[in-house]
């Protein structure tokens, strides 16, 4: 088994100038965030970039990949925007209970199934002989995705209670890196890192106290 360095990035800020359009692309600020993330990652030796099918994720991945010469880019439903867990609202603060109540029954079944498949695909060391595993060092993969999946993978890496995916809110174009080695538990190398973004591009879409 070979160490995997899993780079996770939330998509850039979504263009909200068309209210009610669920599949809008990036705003101008979102495009700037994505380009700066690409510059941050320039020179890393990635085996692949994966992204969810929604426009905001696809556009972010395209802009980031422009700084990563020769790296293949793949769209996958595994990196989509899914409810990761059918969390029981009993005992949670009212705001979380109201948030969970908005998801229909079908998404409470389908979302966790896709998320479980994403964990099997991305969370763990890489088997010998897998594409990108040439023995020269860790296999690095970038997944451009959404808040829910990143929060779930951080929770999973920490072996925290399942409901702890709630309350993990990621910056647009923030960077999280998890190391999965052949032995021992996963290591959180970075979480919600926005060092590549100037202050005016941090905390977009999040409460004001997320701007640090």
N, C-alpha and C. Protein backbone atom coordinates (compact mmCIF):
# COMPACT_ATOMS: atom_id res chain seq x y z
N UNK A 1 0.83 -1.20 0.00
CA UNK A 1 0.00 0.00 0.00
C UNK A 1 0.87 1.26 0.00
N UNK A 2 0.39 2.30 -0.65
CA UNK A 2 1.14 3.54 -0.82
C UNK A 2 0.35 4.69 -0.20
N UNK A 3 1.06 5.61 0.41
CA UNK A 3 0.41 6.76 1.04
C UNK A 3 -0.36 7.60 0.01
N UNK A 4 -1.57 8.01 0.41
CA UNK A 4 -2.35 8.93 -0.40
C UNK A 4 -2.39 10.29 0.30
N UNK A 5 -2.12 11.35 -0.44
CA UNK A 5 -2.37 12.70 0.03
C UNK A 5 -3.60 13.20 -0.71
N UNK A 6 -4.70 13.30 0.02
CA UNK A 6 -5.97 13.71 -0.58
C UNK A 6 -6.17 15.20 -0.35
N UNK A 7 -6.11 15.95 -1.43
CA UNK A 7 -6.36 17.40 -1.40
C UNK A 7 -7.84 17.62 -1.68
N UNK A 8 -8.50 18.34 -0.80
CA UNK A 8 -9.93 18.62 -0.94
C UNK A 8 -10.12 20.13 -1.03
N UNK A 9 -10.86 20.58 -2.01
CA UNK A 9 -11.13 22.01 -2.14
C UNK A 9 -12.62 22.22 -2.38
N UNK A 10 -13.19 23.13 -1.61
CA UNK A 10 -14.56 23.53 -1.90
C UNK A 10 -14.54 24.42 -3.15
N UNK A 11 -15.57 24.32 -3.96
CA UNK A 11 -15.69 25.15 -5.16
C UNK A 11 -15.63 26.64 -4.80
N UNK A 12 -15.35 27.46 -5.80
CA UNK A 12 -15.37 28.90 -5.61
C UNK A 12 -16.77 29.43 -5.39
N UNK A 13 -16.84 30.71 -5.06
CA UNK A 13 -18.15 31.32 -4.78
C UNK A 13 -19.08 31.18 -5.97
N UNK A 14 -20.30 30.79 -5.68
CA UNK A 14 -21.32 30.60 -6.71
C UNK A 14 -21.92 31.94 -7.13
N UNK A 15 -22.27 32.05 -8.40
CA UNK A 15 -22.93 33.24 -8.92
C UNK A 15 -24.40 33.20 -8.51
N UNK A 16 -24.78 34.12 -7.63
CA UNK A 16 -26.16 34.15 -7.11
C UNK A 16 -26.98 35.28 -7.72
N UNK A 17 -26.54 35.78 -8.88
CA UNK A 17 -27.28 36.87 -9.52
C UNK A 17 -28.57 36.39 -10.17
N UNK A 18 -28.72 35.09 -10.32
CA UNK A 18 -29.95 34.51 -10.87
C UNK A 18 -30.63 33.69 -9.78
N UNK A 19 -31.45 34.33 -8.95
CA UNK A 19 -32.09 33.61 -7.85
C UNK A 19 -32.90 32.41 -8.36
N UNK A 20 -32.79 31.30 -7.62
CA UNK A 20 -33.54 30.10 -7.98
C UNK A 20 -32.84 29.22 -8.99
N UNK A 21 -31.66 29.61 -9.47
CA UNK A 21 -30.91 28.77 -10.40
C UNK A 21 -29.96 27.87 -9.60
N UNK A 22 -30.31 26.58 -9.42
CA UNK A 22 -29.52 25.72 -8.54
C UNK A 22 -28.17 25.32 -9.12
N UNK A 23 -28.01 25.44 -10.44
CA UNK A 23 -26.77 24.98 -11.06
C UNK A 23 -26.00 26.14 -11.68
N UNK A 24 -25.98 27.25 -10.97
CA UNK A 24 -25.24 28.41 -11.46
C UNK A 24 -23.74 28.14 -11.38
N UNK A 25 -22.99 28.82 -12.23
CA UNK A 25 -21.55 28.71 -12.20
C UNK A 25 -20.93 29.64 -11.18
N UNK A 26 -19.70 30.03 -11.42
CA UNK A 26 -18.96 30.84 -10.47
C UNK A 26 -19.23 32.33 -10.68
N UNK A 27 -19.18 33.07 -9.59
CA UNK A 27 -19.16 34.52 -9.67
C UNK A 27 -17.75 34.97 -10.08
N UNK A 28 -17.58 36.26 -10.33
CA UNK A 28 -16.24 36.75 -10.65
C UNK A 28 -15.30 36.52 -9.47
N UNK A 29 -15.81 36.72 -8.23
CA UNK A 29 -14.97 36.43 -7.06
C UNK A 29 -14.62 34.95 -7.01
N UNK A 30 -15.59 34.10 -7.36
CA UNK A 30 -15.33 32.66 -7.37
C UNK A 30 -14.26 32.28 -8.37
N UNK A 31 -14.25 32.92 -9.53
CA UNK A 31 -13.21 32.63 -10.53
C UNK A 31 -11.84 33.08 -10.02
N UNK A 32 -11.80 34.23 -9.35
CA UNK A 32 -10.53 34.68 -8.78
C UNK A 32 -10.04 33.68 -7.72
N UNK A 33 -10.96 33.22 -6.88
CA UNK A 33 -10.58 32.24 -5.86
C UNK A 33 -10.00 30.98 -6.49
N UNK A 34 -10.65 30.50 -7.55
CA UNK A 34 -10.19 29.27 -8.20
C UNK A 34 -8.81 29.46 -8.83
N UNK A 35 -8.59 30.58 -9.47
CA UNK A 35 -7.28 30.83 -10.09
C UNK A 35 -6.18 30.89 -9.03
N UNK A 36 -6.48 31.53 -7.91
CA UNK A 36 -5.49 31.63 -6.83
C UNK A 36 -5.21 30.27 -6.21
N UNK A 37 -6.24 29.43 -6.11
CA UNK A 37 -6.02 28.07 -5.63
C UNK A 37 -5.12 27.31 -6.59
N UNK A 38 -5.35 27.49 -7.89
CA UNK A 38 -4.48 26.85 -8.87
C UNK A 38 -3.03 27.28 -8.73
N UNK A 39 -2.82 28.58 -8.51
CA UNK A 39 -1.46 29.07 -8.30
C UNK A 39 -0.85 28.46 -7.05
N UNK A 40 -1.65 28.31 -6.01
CA UNK A 40 -1.17 27.70 -4.76
C UNK A 40 -0.69 26.27 -5.01
N UNK A 41 -1.37 25.56 -5.88
CA UNK A 41 -1.08 24.15 -6.10
C UNK A 41 -0.12 23.90 -7.25
N UNK A 42 0.27 24.95 -7.95
CA UNK A 42 1.17 24.79 -9.09
C UNK A 42 2.45 24.08 -8.64
N UNK A 43 2.87 23.11 -9.42
CA UNK A 43 4.10 22.37 -9.12
C UNK A 43 3.87 21.11 -8.31
N UNK A 44 2.67 20.94 -7.72
CA UNK A 44 2.37 19.68 -7.03
C UNK A 44 2.22 18.58 -8.07
N UNK A 45 2.61 17.40 -7.70
CA UNK A 45 2.59 16.26 -8.64
C UNK A 45 1.30 15.46 -8.44
N UNK A 46 0.23 15.93 -9.04
CA UNK A 46 -1.07 15.28 -8.88
C UNK A 46 -1.25 14.17 -9.91
N UNK A 47 -1.85 13.06 -9.43
CA UNK A 47 -2.21 11.98 -10.34
C UNK A 47 -3.48 12.33 -11.12
N UNK A 48 -4.38 13.11 -10.48
CA UNK A 48 -5.65 13.44 -11.13
C UNK A 48 -6.34 14.54 -10.34
N UNK A 49 -7.23 15.24 -11.05
CA UNK A 49 -8.19 16.16 -10.43
C UNK A 49 -9.58 15.60 -10.66
N UNK A 50 -10.35 15.48 -9.60
CA UNK A 50 -11.73 15.00 -9.69
C UNK A 50 -12.66 16.13 -9.25
N UNK A 51 -13.83 16.20 -9.88
CA UNK A 51 -14.78 17.24 -9.47
C UNK A 51 -16.20 16.74 -9.62
N UNK A 52 -17.09 17.34 -8.86
CA UNK A 52 -18.50 17.02 -8.95
C UNK A 52 -19.10 17.56 -10.24
N UNK A 53 -20.31 17.10 -10.60
CA UNK A 53 -20.90 17.47 -11.89
C UNK A 53 -21.52 18.86 -11.94
N UNK A 54 -21.78 19.50 -10.80
CA UNK A 54 -22.41 20.82 -10.84
C UNK A 54 -21.44 21.86 -11.40
N UNK A 55 -22.01 22.89 -12.04
CA UNK A 55 -21.18 23.86 -12.76
C UNK A 55 -20.15 24.53 -11.87
N UNK A 56 -20.52 24.90 -10.66
CA UNK A 56 -19.59 25.63 -9.80
C UNK A 56 -18.35 24.79 -9.47
N UNK A 57 -18.54 23.47 -9.34
CA UNK A 57 -17.40 22.58 -9.10
C UNK A 57 -16.60 22.36 -10.38
N UNK A 58 -17.29 22.15 -11.49
CA UNK A 58 -16.61 21.90 -12.77
C UNK A 58 -15.78 23.11 -13.19
N UNK A 59 -16.35 24.31 -13.04
CA UNK A 59 -15.63 25.52 -13.43
C UNK A 59 -14.42 25.75 -12.52
N UNK A 60 -14.58 25.48 -11.23
CA UNK A 60 -13.46 25.62 -10.30
C UNK A 60 -12.34 24.67 -10.69
N UNK A 61 -12.69 23.41 -10.96
CA UNK A 61 -11.67 22.42 -11.34
C UNK A 61 -10.96 22.82 -12.62
N UNK A 62 -11.69 23.34 -13.58
CA UNK A 62 -11.09 23.76 -14.85
C UNK A 62 -10.07 24.87 -14.62
N UNK A 63 -10.43 25.86 -13.81
CA UNK A 63 -9.53 26.98 -13.56
C UNK A 63 -8.31 26.55 -12.75
N UNK A 64 -8.50 25.66 -11.79
CA UNK A 64 -7.38 25.15 -11.00
C UNK A 64 -6.45 24.33 -11.89
N UNK A 65 -7.04 23.46 -12.71
CA UNK A 65 -6.24 22.56 -13.54
C UNK A 65 -5.42 23.31 -14.57
N UNK A 66 -5.80 24.54 -14.90
CA UNK A 66 -5.02 25.33 -15.85
C UNK A 66 -3.61 25.60 -15.33
N UNK A 67 -3.43 25.50 -14.01
CA UNK A 67 -2.10 25.69 -13.42
C UNK A 67 -1.37 24.37 -13.20
N UNK A 68 -2.01 23.25 -13.54
CA UNK A 68 -1.43 21.94 -13.27
C UNK A 68 -1.17 21.24 -14.60
N UNK A 69 -0.02 21.40 -15.11
CA UNK A 69 0.30 20.92 -16.45
C UNK A 69 0.17 19.40 -16.57
N UNK A 70 -0.65 18.98 -17.53
CA UNK A 70 -0.73 17.57 -17.88
C UNK A 70 -1.51 16.69 -16.93
N UNK A 71 -2.21 17.28 -15.96
CA UNK A 71 -2.96 16.47 -15.00
C UNK A 71 -4.36 16.18 -15.54
N UNK A 72 -4.76 14.91 -15.61
CA UNK A 72 -6.10 14.60 -16.12
C UNK A 72 -7.19 15.06 -15.16
N UNK A 73 -8.32 15.46 -15.72
CA UNK A 73 -9.45 15.99 -14.94
C UNK A 73 -10.66 15.11 -15.22
N UNK A 74 -11.32 14.67 -14.15
CA UNK A 74 -12.45 13.76 -14.28
C UNK A 74 -13.66 14.30 -13.51
N UNK A 75 -14.82 14.24 -14.14
CA UNK A 75 -16.08 14.52 -13.46
C UNK A 75 -16.60 13.23 -12.85
N UNK A 76 -17.08 13.32 -11.60
CA UNK A 76 -17.61 12.14 -10.94
C UNK A 76 -18.72 12.51 -9.97
N UNK A 77 -19.77 11.72 -10.00
CA UNK A 77 -20.88 11.93 -9.07
C UNK A 77 -20.42 11.75 -7.62
N UNK A 78 -19.34 10.99 -7.41
CA UNK A 78 -18.84 10.77 -6.05
C UNK A 78 -18.43 12.08 -5.38
N UNK A 79 -18.07 13.09 -6.17
CA UNK A 79 -17.69 14.39 -5.62
C UNK A 79 -18.83 15.40 -5.69
N UNK A 80 -20.05 14.90 -5.86
CA UNK A 80 -21.21 15.77 -5.97
C UNK A 80 -21.67 16.32 -4.63
N UNK A 81 -22.76 17.07 -4.70
CA UNK A 81 -23.32 17.75 -3.52
C UNK A 81 -24.43 16.87 -2.93
N UNK A 82 -24.07 15.98 -2.01
CA UNK A 82 -25.01 15.01 -1.45
C UNK A 82 -25.12 15.16 0.06
N UNK A 83 -26.29 14.86 0.59
CA UNK A 83 -26.44 14.74 2.04
C UNK A 83 -25.62 13.52 2.47
N UNK A 84 -24.59 13.70 3.31
CA UNK A 84 -23.69 12.58 3.58
C UNK A 84 -24.23 11.56 4.59
N UNK A 85 -25.20 11.97 5.40
CA UNK A 85 -25.66 11.08 6.47
C UNK A 85 -27.07 11.48 6.87
N UNK A 86 -27.93 10.49 7.05
CA UNK A 86 -29.30 10.75 7.50
C UNK A 86 -29.28 10.95 9.02
N UNK A 87 -28.84 12.12 9.42
CA UNK A 87 -28.59 12.41 10.82
C UNK A 87 -29.90 12.61 11.58
N UNK A 88 -30.02 11.94 12.71
CA UNK A 88 -31.19 12.06 13.57
C UNK A 88 -31.17 13.44 14.24
N UNK A 89 -32.22 14.26 14.05
CA UNK A 89 -32.18 15.63 14.59
C UNK A 89 -32.43 15.72 16.09
N UNK A 90 -32.91 14.64 16.71
CA UNK A 90 -33.21 14.70 18.15
C UNK A 90 -31.96 15.07 18.94
N UNK A 91 -32.10 16.06 19.78
CA UNK A 91 -30.99 16.47 20.63
C UNK A 91 -30.08 17.51 20.01
N UNK A 92 -30.30 17.82 18.73
CA UNK A 92 -29.49 18.84 18.07
C UNK A 92 -30.09 20.23 18.31
N UNK A 93 -29.30 21.29 18.20
CA UNK A 93 -29.85 22.64 18.28
C UNK A 93 -30.94 22.84 17.24
N UNK A 94 -31.94 23.67 17.53
CA UNK A 94 -33.06 23.85 16.59
C UNK A 94 -32.64 24.21 15.17
N UNK A 95 -31.60 25.02 15.02
CA UNK A 95 -31.18 25.42 13.67
C UNK A 95 -30.74 24.21 12.84
N UNK A 96 -30.05 23.26 13.48
CA UNK A 96 -29.63 22.06 12.76
C UNK A 96 -30.83 21.17 12.43
N UNK A 97 -31.75 21.06 13.36
CA UNK A 97 -32.94 20.24 13.12
C UNK A 97 -33.75 20.80 11.94
N UNK A 98 -33.88 22.13 11.89
CA UNK A 98 -34.61 22.75 10.77
C UNK A 98 -33.87 22.54 9.46
N UNK A 99 -32.56 22.61 9.51
CA UNK A 99 -31.75 22.40 8.31
C UNK A 99 -31.94 20.98 7.78
N UNK A 100 -31.89 19.99 8.65
CA UNK A 100 -32.02 18.60 8.22
C UNK A 100 -33.41 18.28 7.71
N UNK A 101 -34.42 18.98 8.23
CA UNK A 101 -35.81 18.70 7.86
C UNK A 101 -36.10 19.03 6.40
N UNK A 102 -35.26 19.83 5.76
CA UNK A 102 -35.54 20.25 4.39
C UNK A 102 -35.23 19.16 3.36
N UNK A 103 -34.50 18.10 3.77
CA UNK A 103 -34.09 17.09 2.79
C UNK A 103 -35.18 16.03 2.62
N UNK A 104 -35.55 15.73 1.37
CA UNK A 104 -36.60 14.72 1.13
C UNK A 104 -36.11 13.32 1.45
N UNK A 105 -37.06 12.41 1.57
CA UNK A 105 -36.73 11.03 1.96
C UNK A 105 -35.76 10.38 0.99
N UNK A 106 -35.93 10.63 -0.33
CA UNK A 106 -35.06 10.00 -1.31
C UNK A 106 -33.61 10.43 -1.12
N UNK A 107 -33.40 11.71 -0.82
CA UNK A 107 -32.02 12.18 -0.64
C UNK A 107 -31.41 11.64 0.65
N UNK A 108 -32.25 11.35 1.63
CA UNK A 108 -31.75 10.77 2.88
C UNK A 108 -31.24 9.35 2.66
N UNK A 109 -31.71 8.70 1.60
CA UNK A 109 -31.24 7.36 1.25
C UNK A 109 -30.09 7.43 0.25
N UNK A 110 -30.29 8.19 -0.83
CA UNK A 110 -29.32 8.20 -1.92
C UNK A 110 -28.02 8.91 -1.53
N UNK A 111 -28.13 10.04 -0.84
CA UNK A 111 -26.94 10.81 -0.49
C UNK A 111 -25.93 10.02 0.33
N UNK A 112 -26.35 9.39 1.42
CA UNK A 112 -25.39 8.59 2.19
C UNK A 112 -24.78 7.43 1.42
N UNK A 113 -25.51 6.85 0.46
CA UNK A 113 -24.95 5.76 -0.33
C UNK A 113 -23.83 6.26 -1.24
N UNK A 114 -24.05 7.41 -1.88
CA UNK A 114 -23.01 7.97 -2.74
C UNK A 114 -21.81 8.39 -1.90
N UNK A 115 -22.07 8.97 -0.73
CA UNK A 115 -20.97 9.40 0.14
C UNK A 115 -20.16 8.21 0.61
N UNK A 116 -20.82 7.11 0.94
CA UNK A 116 -20.09 5.90 1.35
C UNK A 116 -19.20 5.40 0.21
N UNK A 117 -19.69 5.50 -1.02
CA UNK A 117 -18.86 5.11 -2.17
C UNK A 117 -17.68 6.06 -2.34
N UNK A 118 -17.88 7.34 -2.05
CA UNK A 118 -16.79 8.30 -2.14
C UNK A 118 -15.72 8.01 -1.10
N UNK A 119 -16.13 7.61 0.08
CA UNK A 119 -15.16 7.24 1.12
C UNK A 119 -14.33 6.04 0.66
N UNK A 120 -14.99 5.05 0.08
CA UNK A 120 -14.26 3.87 -0.40
C UNK A 120 -13.27 4.24 -1.50
N UNK A 121 -13.65 5.21 -2.33
CA UNK A 121 -12.78 5.60 -3.45
C UNK A 121 -11.60 6.47 -3.03
N UNK A 122 -11.85 7.41 -2.14
CA UNK A 122 -10.84 8.43 -1.88
C UNK A 122 -10.16 8.34 -0.51
N UNK A 123 -10.79 7.73 0.47
CA UNK A 123 -10.28 7.76 1.85
C UNK A 123 -9.51 6.49 2.16
N UNK A 124 -8.21 6.56 2.13
CA UNK A 124 -7.38 5.41 2.45
C UNK A 124 -6.14 5.38 1.58
N UNK A 125 -5.16 4.57 1.95
CA UNK A 125 -3.96 4.44 1.11
C UNK A 125 -4.31 3.82 -0.23
N UNK A 126 -3.37 3.94 -1.15
CA UNK A 126 -3.57 3.48 -2.53
C UNK A 126 -2.94 2.10 -2.69
N UNK A 127 -3.66 1.22 -3.34
CA UNK A 127 -3.13 -0.12 -3.58
C UNK A 127 -2.00 -0.08 -4.60
N UNK A 128 -0.99 -0.91 -4.39
CA UNK A 128 0.10 -1.03 -5.37
C UNK A 128 -0.47 -1.38 -6.74
N UNK A 129 0.09 -0.75 -7.76
CA UNK A 129 -0.37 -1.03 -9.11
C UNK A 129 -1.48 -0.13 -9.58
N UNK A 130 -2.03 0.70 -8.70
CA UNK A 130 -3.07 1.63 -9.09
C UNK A 130 -2.47 2.75 -9.93
N UNK A 131 -3.26 3.31 -10.86
CA UNK A 131 -2.78 4.44 -11.68
C UNK A 131 -2.29 5.55 -10.77
N UNK A 132 -1.13 6.06 -11.05
CA UNK A 132 -0.55 7.14 -10.26
C UNK A 132 0.35 6.65 -9.15
N UNK A 133 0.30 5.34 -8.85
CA UNK A 133 1.13 4.77 -7.78
C UNK A 133 2.39 4.18 -8.39
N UNK A 134 3.39 5.04 -8.61
CA UNK A 134 4.61 4.59 -9.27
C UNK A 134 5.73 4.29 -8.29
N UNK A 135 5.44 4.39 -6.99
CA UNK A 135 6.44 4.09 -5.99
C UNK A 135 7.41 5.21 -5.73
N UNK A 136 7.27 6.35 -6.43
CA UNK A 136 8.20 7.47 -6.27
C UNK A 136 7.81 8.39 -5.12
N UNK A 137 6.71 8.13 -4.48
CA UNK A 137 6.25 8.98 -3.38
C UNK A 137 4.76 8.85 -3.20
N UNK A 138 4.17 9.65 -2.32
CA UNK A 138 2.73 9.57 -2.11
C UNK A 138 1.95 9.87 -3.39
N UNK A 139 0.79 9.27 -3.50
CA UNK A 139 -0.12 9.57 -4.59
C UNK A 139 -0.96 10.77 -4.16
N UNK A 140 -0.90 11.84 -4.94
CA UNK A 140 -1.65 13.07 -4.64
C UNK A 140 -2.84 13.17 -5.58
N UNK A 141 -4.01 13.36 -5.02
CA UNK A 141 -5.22 13.57 -5.81
C UNK A 141 -5.93 14.80 -5.27
N UNK A 142 -6.51 15.58 -6.18
CA UNK A 142 -7.30 16.75 -5.81
C UNK A 142 -8.76 16.48 -6.12
N UNK A 143 -9.62 16.72 -5.14
CA UNK A 143 -11.07 16.59 -5.32
C UNK A 143 -11.70 17.96 -5.10
N UNK A 144 -12.29 18.51 -6.14
CA UNK A 144 -13.01 19.78 -6.05
C UNK A 144 -14.47 19.44 -5.84
N UNK A 145 -14.99 19.80 -4.69
CA UNK A 145 -16.30 19.30 -4.30
C UNK A 145 -17.07 20.34 -3.50
N UNK A 146 -17.89 19.88 -2.58
CA UNK A 146 -18.81 20.75 -1.85
C UNK A 146 -18.59 20.59 -0.34
N UNK A 147 -19.20 21.49 0.39
CA UNK A 147 -18.99 21.53 1.83
C UNK A 147 -19.31 20.20 2.51
N UNK A 148 -20.42 19.57 2.13
CA UNK A 148 -20.86 18.36 2.82
C UNK A 148 -19.83 17.25 2.77
N UNK A 149 -19.28 16.98 1.57
CA UNK A 149 -18.34 15.86 1.45
C UNK A 149 -17.05 16.14 2.21
N UNK A 150 -16.55 17.37 2.12
CA UNK A 150 -15.32 17.69 2.86
C UNK A 150 -15.56 17.53 4.35
N UNK A 151 -16.68 18.06 4.84
CA UNK A 151 -16.99 17.93 6.27
C UNK A 151 -17.07 16.47 6.68
N UNK A 152 -17.67 15.64 5.84
CA UNK A 152 -17.79 14.22 6.16
C UNK A 152 -16.43 13.53 6.18
N UNK A 153 -15.57 13.85 5.22
CA UNK A 153 -14.26 13.21 5.17
C UNK A 153 -13.37 13.65 6.34
N UNK A 154 -13.50 14.90 6.78
CA UNK A 154 -12.78 15.34 7.98
C UNK A 154 -13.29 14.59 9.20
N UNK A 155 -14.61 14.48 9.31
CA UNK A 155 -15.19 13.72 10.43
C UNK A 155 -14.74 12.28 10.41
N UNK A 156 -14.74 11.70 9.20
CA UNK A 156 -14.33 10.30 9.04
C UNK A 156 -12.87 10.12 9.44
N UNK A 157 -12.01 11.05 9.02
CA UNK A 157 -10.58 10.95 9.35
C UNK A 157 -10.34 11.01 10.85
N UNK A 158 -11.16 11.77 11.55
CA UNK A 158 -11.01 11.90 13.01
C UNK A 158 -11.75 10.80 13.77
N UNK A 159 -12.50 9.96 13.05
CA UNK A 159 -13.32 8.93 13.68
C UNK A 159 -14.25 9.56 14.72
N UNK A 160 -14.80 10.72 14.37
CA UNK A 160 -15.70 11.45 15.25
C UNK A 160 -17.13 10.92 15.09
N UNK A 161 -18.02 11.22 16.03
CA UNK A 161 -19.42 10.80 15.89
C UNK A 161 -20.00 11.28 14.56
N UNK A 162 -20.89 10.49 13.99
CA UNK A 162 -21.38 10.77 12.65
C UNK A 162 -22.03 12.14 12.53
N UNK A 163 -22.71 12.60 13.57
CA UNK A 163 -23.39 13.89 13.48
C UNK A 163 -22.42 15.07 13.46
N UNK A 164 -21.14 14.82 13.70
CA UNK A 164 -20.18 15.92 13.76
C UNK A 164 -19.80 16.47 12.39
N UNK A 165 -20.37 15.93 11.31
CA UNK A 165 -20.19 16.60 10.03
C UNK A 165 -20.93 17.93 10.03
N UNK A 166 -21.96 18.03 10.85
CA UNK A 166 -22.68 19.28 10.98
C UNK A 166 -21.81 20.31 11.69
N UNK A 167 -21.84 21.53 11.24
CA UNK A 167 -21.07 22.58 11.88
C UNK A 167 -19.68 22.76 11.32
N UNK A 168 -19.26 21.90 10.40
CA UNK A 168 -17.97 22.07 9.72
C UNK A 168 -18.23 22.84 8.43
N UNK A 169 -17.91 24.11 8.43
CA UNK A 169 -18.21 24.98 7.29
C UNK A 169 -16.92 25.43 6.62
N UNK A 170 -16.81 25.15 5.35
CA UNK A 170 -15.57 25.39 4.61
C UNK A 170 -15.65 26.65 3.77
N UNK A 171 -14.53 27.36 3.69
CA UNK A 171 -14.43 28.53 2.83
C UNK A 171 -14.49 28.12 1.37
N UNK A 172 -15.06 28.97 0.53
CA UNK A 172 -14.93 28.76 -0.91
C UNK A 172 -13.46 28.77 -1.29
N UNK A 173 -13.05 27.75 -2.03
CA UNK A 173 -11.65 27.56 -2.47
C UNK A 173 -10.70 27.35 -1.31
N UNK A 174 -11.24 27.01 -0.13
CA UNK A 174 -10.38 26.61 0.98
C UNK A 174 -9.80 25.23 0.73
N UNK A 175 -8.65 24.98 1.30
CA UNK A 175 -7.91 23.75 1.03
C UNK A 175 -7.81 22.90 2.29
N UNK A 176 -8.20 21.64 2.16
CA UNK A 176 -8.07 20.65 3.23
C UNK A 176 -7.24 19.49 2.67
N UNK A 177 -6.29 18.99 3.46
CA UNK A 177 -5.43 17.90 3.00
C UNK A 177 -5.42 16.81 4.07
N UNK A 178 -5.70 15.59 3.66
CA UNK A 178 -5.71 14.44 4.56
C UNK A 178 -4.69 13.42 4.05
N UNK A 179 -3.84 12.95 4.96
CA UNK A 179 -2.84 11.96 4.61
C UNK A 179 -3.30 10.59 5.10
N UNK A 180 -3.37 9.65 4.17
CA UNK A 180 -3.73 8.27 4.48
C UNK A 180 -2.51 7.38 4.26
N UNK A 181 -1.87 6.98 5.33
CA UNK A 181 -0.70 6.14 5.23
C UNK A 181 -1.04 4.67 5.37
N UNK A 182 -0.09 3.78 5.02
CA UNK A 182 -0.33 2.33 5.14
C UNK A 182 -0.53 1.86 6.57
N UNK A 183 -0.04 2.64 7.54
CA UNK A 183 -0.18 2.26 8.95
C UNK A 183 -0.63 3.46 9.76
N UNK A 184 -1.45 3.21 10.76
CA UNK A 184 -1.90 4.28 11.63
C UNK A 184 -3.13 5.00 11.08
N UNK A 185 -3.70 5.87 11.90
CA UNK A 185 -4.90 6.59 11.48
C UNK A 185 -4.58 7.69 10.48
N UNK A 186 -5.61 8.21 9.80
CA UNK A 186 -5.38 9.34 8.89
C UNK A 186 -4.85 10.56 9.66
N UNK A 187 -4.11 11.40 8.95
CA UNK A 187 -3.58 12.63 9.52
C UNK A 187 -4.17 13.83 8.80
N UNK A 188 -4.69 14.80 9.56
CA UNK A 188 -5.15 16.05 8.96
C UNK A 188 -3.94 16.96 8.81
N UNK A 189 -3.53 17.17 7.57
CA UNK A 189 -2.37 18.02 7.28
C UNK A 189 -2.78 19.49 7.27
N UNK A 190 -3.94 19.77 6.72
CA UNK A 190 -4.46 21.13 6.67
C UNK A 190 -5.98 21.06 6.63
N UNK A 191 -6.64 22.02 7.23
CA UNK A 191 -8.09 22.09 7.22
C UNK A 191 -8.51 23.54 6.96
N UNK A 192 -9.28 23.73 5.89
CA UNK A 192 -9.86 25.06 5.62
C UNK A 192 -8.77 26.12 5.44
N UNK A 193 -7.66 25.76 4.81
CA UNK A 193 -6.53 26.66 4.63
C UNK A 193 -6.85 27.64 3.50
N UNK A 194 -6.79 28.94 3.81
CA UNK A 194 -7.07 29.97 2.81
C UNK A 194 -5.90 30.94 2.68
N UNK A 195 -4.68 30.47 2.95
CA UNK A 195 -3.51 31.34 2.87
C UNK A 195 -3.31 31.91 1.46
N UNK A 196 -3.85 31.25 0.45
CA UNK A 196 -3.69 31.71 -0.93
C UNK A 196 -4.68 32.79 -1.31
N UNK A 197 -5.65 33.08 -0.43
CA UNK A 197 -6.68 34.06 -0.74
C UNK A 197 -6.44 35.36 0.03
N UNK A 198 -6.59 36.51 -0.62
CA UNK A 198 -6.52 37.77 0.11
C UNK A 198 -7.76 37.91 0.99
N UNK A 199 -7.72 38.78 2.00
CA UNK A 199 -8.84 38.88 2.95
C UNK A 199 -10.20 39.09 2.30
N UNK A 200 -10.26 39.84 1.21
CA UNK A 200 -11.57 40.13 0.61
C UNK A 200 -12.17 38.92 -0.10
N UNK A 201 -11.39 37.86 -0.29
CA UNK A 201 -11.91 36.65 -0.94
C UNK A 201 -12.10 35.51 0.05
N UNK A 202 -11.96 35.78 1.33
CA UNK A 202 -12.16 34.74 2.35
C UNK A 202 -13.55 34.84 2.94
N UNK A 203 -14.06 33.72 3.41
CA UNK A 203 -15.32 33.70 4.14
C UNK A 203 -16.54 34.00 3.31
N UNK A 204 -16.45 33.89 1.97
CA UNK A 204 -17.61 34.19 1.13
C UNK A 204 -18.70 33.16 1.39
N UNK A 205 -19.92 33.64 1.58
CA UNK A 205 -21.04 32.75 1.83
C UNK A 205 -21.12 32.21 3.23
N UNK A 206 -20.26 32.66 4.14
CA UNK A 206 -20.24 32.18 5.52
C UNK A 206 -20.53 33.33 6.47
N UNK A 207 -20.84 33.04 7.73
CA UNK A 207 -21.08 34.11 8.69
C UNK A 207 -19.88 35.03 8.83
N UNK A 208 -20.10 36.29 9.22
CA UNK A 208 -18.99 37.26 9.29
C UNK A 208 -17.83 36.82 10.18
N UNK A 209 -18.12 36.07 11.24
CA UNK A 209 -17.03 35.70 12.15
C UNK A 209 -16.13 34.59 11.60
N UNK A 210 -16.41 34.11 10.37
CA UNK A 210 -15.52 33.17 9.72
C UNK A 210 -14.35 33.88 9.04
N UNK A 211 -14.41 35.21 8.94
CA UNK A 211 -13.33 35.96 8.34
C UNK A 211 -12.26 36.21 9.38
N UNK A 212 -11.11 35.55 9.24
CA UNK A 212 -10.04 35.66 10.22
C UNK A 212 -8.75 36.14 9.56
